[in-house]
Structure formats: C-alpha cells, structure tokens
Amino acid sequence: MYAIEFETTIDNGIVHIPEIYKNLQKSKKAKKQKSKKAKKQKSKKAKVIVMIDETTEEENQQQLIFDKFLKNSRKVENLTLFSRDELHER
C-alpha cells in the first residue's frame, strides 16, 4: 500500500477525490498488488483518514493577516527599547 495526500471537501458524506487521483486503481503499482479475488472486482481497497480543520473562517483570516504582517516586517535602525518600568511610567 502506498499513500497520497490531498485536501478536499465533504458534501453530504461524499468525499470528493481530485481528478488527478481518480485513475489510481489503473496504475502499475495498484495492478501489482491485485490478488486473484481482486481481479474479479472493479473496486480497490483503500484506507481513508479524515482530518477536519477546527478553525473558523474568522480565525483563518486572522492567521492570514498575521502571516502577511510577519512576511512584510522590516528591521528598524536605531530603535530605542524601553525597560518595563519606563514603559509603565505615567
């Protein structure tokens, strides 16, 4: 058995397989692993692991904004760093 990984949607319990993987059962590797019983069947045996992203769209958007901020950060010359006490003086 060999593994592939892809992201897809699940609609009403149906896992949509990307077009590039729909012909996997016809591959040479899959044909080598056939048993006599499997030759009579048209389907292939597969192990499916479903991992659901638990983050919300808002959390994803916030992460994208933060990632963009980090990617575009700049080094500041002559930056003055204050101590904790200096920051909290009134």
C-alpha atoms as a PDB file:
ATOM      1  CA  MET A   1       0.000   0.000   0.000  1.00  0.00           C
ATOM      2  CA  TYR A   2       1.239   3.498  -0.745  1.00  0.00           C
ATOM      3  CA  ALA A   3      -0.050   6.879   0.414  1.00  0.00           C
ATOM      4  CA  ILE A   4      -1.210  10.082  -1.224  1.00  0.00           C
ATOM      5  CA  GLU A   5      -2.373  13.244   0.497  1.00  0.00           C
ATOM      6  CA  PHE A   6      -4.774  15.919  -0.682  1.00  0.00           C
ATOM      7  CA  GLU A   7      -7.287  18.415   0.663  1.00  0.00           C
ATOM      8  CA  THR A   8     -10.894  18.218  -0.465  1.00  0.00           C
ATOM      9  CA  THR A   9     -14.459  18.902   0.566  1.00  0.00           C
ATOM     10  CA  ILE A  10     -17.030  16.537   2.010  1.00  0.00           C
ATOM     11  CA  ASP A  11     -20.590  17.159   0.816  1.00  0.00           C
ATOM     12  CA  ASN A  12     -23.402  15.119   2.387  1.00  0.00           C
ATOM     13  CA  GLY A  13     -20.963  12.350   3.331  1.00  0.00           C
ATOM     14  CA  ILE A  14     -19.319  12.202  -0.108  1.00  0.00           C
ATOM     15  CA  VAL A  15     -15.541  12.692  -0.200  1.00  0.00           C
ATOM     16  CA  HIS A  16     -14.561  14.336  -3.478  1.00  0.00           C
ATOM     17  CA  ILE A  17     -11.363  12.886  -4.949  1.00  0.00           C
ATOM     18  CA  PRO A  18      -9.321  15.252  -7.159  1.00  0.00           C
ATOM     19  CA  GLU A  19      -9.254  14.362 -10.854  1.00  0.00           C
ATOM     20  CA  ILE A  20      -5.521  13.559 -10.814  1.00  0.00           C
ATOM     21  CA  TYR A  21      -6.159  10.680  -8.374  1.00  0.00           C
ATOM     22  CA  LYS A  22      -9.295   9.167  -9.918  1.00  0.00           C
ATOM     23  CA  ASN A  23      -7.303   6.726 -12.063  1.00  0.00           C
ATOM     24  CA  LEU A  24      -5.133   5.349  -9.237  1.00  0.00           C
ATOM     25  CA  GLN A  25      -6.610   1.860  -9.499  1.00  0.00           C
ATOM     26  CA  LYS A  26      -5.324   1.675 -13.072  1.00  0.00           C
ATOM     27  CA  SER A  27      -1.720   2.458 -12.082  1.00  0.00           C
ATOM     28  CA  LYS A  28       1.039  -0.155 -12.403  1.00  0.00           C
ATOM     29  CA  LYS A  29       1.610  -0.152  -8.655  1.00  0.00           C
ATOM     30  CA  ALA A  30      -2.065  -0.892  -7.981  1.00  0.00           C
ATOM     31  CA  LYS A  31      -2.111  -3.675 -10.610  1.00  0.00           C
ATOM     32  CA  LYS A  32       0.887  -5.384  -8.990  1.00  0.00           C
ATOM     33  CA  GLN A  33      -0.955  -5.568  -5.671  1.00  0.00           C
ATOM     34  CA  LYS A  34      -4.043  -7.329  -7.070  1.00  0.00           C
ATOM     35  CA  SER A  35      -4.995 -10.709  -5.719  1.00  0.00           C
ATOM     36  CA  LYS A  36      -6.973 -13.295  -7.732  1.00  0.00           C
ATOM     37  CA  LYS A  37     -10.111 -12.235  -5.914  1.00  0.00           C
ATOM     38  CA  ALA A  38      -9.424  -8.557  -6.552  1.00  0.00           C
ATOM     39  CA  LYS A  39      -9.130  -9.165 -10.318  1.00  0.00           C
ATOM     40  CA  LYS A  40     -12.821 -10.046 -10.398  1.00  0.00           C
ATOM     41  CA  GLN A  41     -13.768  -6.865  -8.536  1.00  0.00           C
ATOM     42  CA  LYS A  42     -13.735  -3.409 -10.103  1.00  0.00           C
ATOM     43  CA  SER A  43     -13.089  -1.572  -6.827  1.00  0.00           C
ATOM     44  CA  LYS A  44      -9.850  -1.174  -4.893  1.00  0.00           C
ATOM     45  CA  LYS A  45      -9.288  -1.335  -1.173  1.00  0.00           C
ATOM     46  CA  ALA A  46      -8.273   1.972   0.413  1.00  0.00           C
ATOM     47  CA  LYS A  47      -7.621   3.330   3.885  1.00  0.00           C
ATOM     48  CA  VAL A  48      -9.184   6.749   4.406  1.00  0.00           C
ATOM     49  CA  ILE A  49      -8.194   9.115   7.199  1.00  0.00           C
ATOM     50  CA  VAL A  50     -10.290  12.259   7.556  1.00  0.00           C
ATOM     51  CA  MET A  51      -8.846  15.242   9.404  1.00  0.00           C
ATOM     52  CA  ILE A  52     -11.218  18.161   9.906  1.00  0.00           C
ATOM     53  CA  ASP A  53      -9.903  21.706  10.321  1.00  0.00           C
ATOM     54  CA  GLU A  54     -11.477  23.008  13.515  1.00  0.00           C
ATOM     55  CA  THR A  55     -10.630  26.659  12.939  1.00  0.00           C
ATOM     56  CA  THR A  56     -13.335  29.077  11.846  1.00  0.00           C
ATOM     57  CA  GLU A  57     -13.149  31.311   8.793  1.00  0.00           C
ATOM     58  CA  GLU A  58     -12.536  34.311  11.083  1.00  0.00           C
ATOM     59  CA  GLU A  59      -9.597  32.545  12.764  1.00  0.00           C
ATOM     60  CA  ASN A  60      -8.198  31.608   9.351  1.00  0.00           C
ATOM     61  CA  GLN A  61      -8.494  35.226   8.190  1.00  0.00           C
ATOM     62  CA  GLN A  62      -6.754  36.499  11.333  1.00  0.00           C
ATOM     63  CA  GLN A  63      -3.937  33.986  10.811  1.00  0.00           C
ATOM     64  CA  LEU A  64      -3.524  35.121   7.197  1.00  0.00           C
ATOM     65  CA  ILE A  65      -3.287  38.761   8.297  1.00  0.00           C
ATOM     66  CA  PHE A  66      -0.697  37.864  10.947  1.00  0.00           C
ATOM     67  CA  ASP A  67       1.302  35.781   8.433  1.00  0.00           C
ATOM     68  CA  LYS A  68       1.263  38.687   5.972  1.00  0.00           C
ATOM     69  CA  PHE A  69       2.447  41.035   8.726  1.00  0.00           C
ATOM     70  CA  LEU A  70       5.356  38.733   9.616  1.00  0.00           C
ATOM     71  CA  LYS A  71       6.295  38.238   5.991  1.00  0.00           C
ATOM     72  CA  ASN A  72       6.443  42.001   5.385  1.00  0.00           C
ATOM     73  CA  SER A  73       8.132  43.024   8.624  1.00  0.00           C
ATOM     74  CA  ARG A  74      11.073  45.410   8.454  1.00  0.00           C
ATOM     75  CA  LYS A  75      14.168  45.913  10.567  1.00  0.00           C
ATOM     76  CA  VAL A  76      14.178  49.332  12.217  1.00  0.00           C
ATOM     77  CA  GLU A  77      17.522  51.117  12.593  1.00  0.00           C
ATOM     78  CA  ASN A  78      18.321  52.964  15.857  1.00  0.00           C
ATOM     79  CA  LEU A  79      15.336  51.515  17.662  1.00  0.00           C
ATOM     80  CA  THR A  80      15.126  52.574  21.320  1.00  0.00           C
ATOM     81  CA  LEU A  81      13.984  49.799  23.598  1.00  0.00           C
ATOM     82  CA  PHE A  82      12.437  50.781  26.894  1.00  0.00           C
ATOM     83  CA  SER A  83      12.529  48.863  30.151  1.00  0.00           C
ATOM     84  CA  ARG A  84       9.322  47.626  31.713  1.00  0.00           C
ATOM     85  CA  ASP A  85       9.391  50.436  34.295  1.00  0.00           C
ATOM     86  CA  GLU A  86       9.951  53.084  31.610  1.00  0.00           C
ATOM     87  CA  LEU A  87       7.017  51.774  29.615  1.00  0.00           C
ATOM     88  CA  HIS A  88       4.659  51.936  32.596  1.00  0.00           C
ATOM     89  CA  GLU A  89       5.662  55.384  33.864  1.00  0.00           C
ATOM     90  CA  ARG A  90       2.876  57.911  33.778  1.00  0.00           C
END
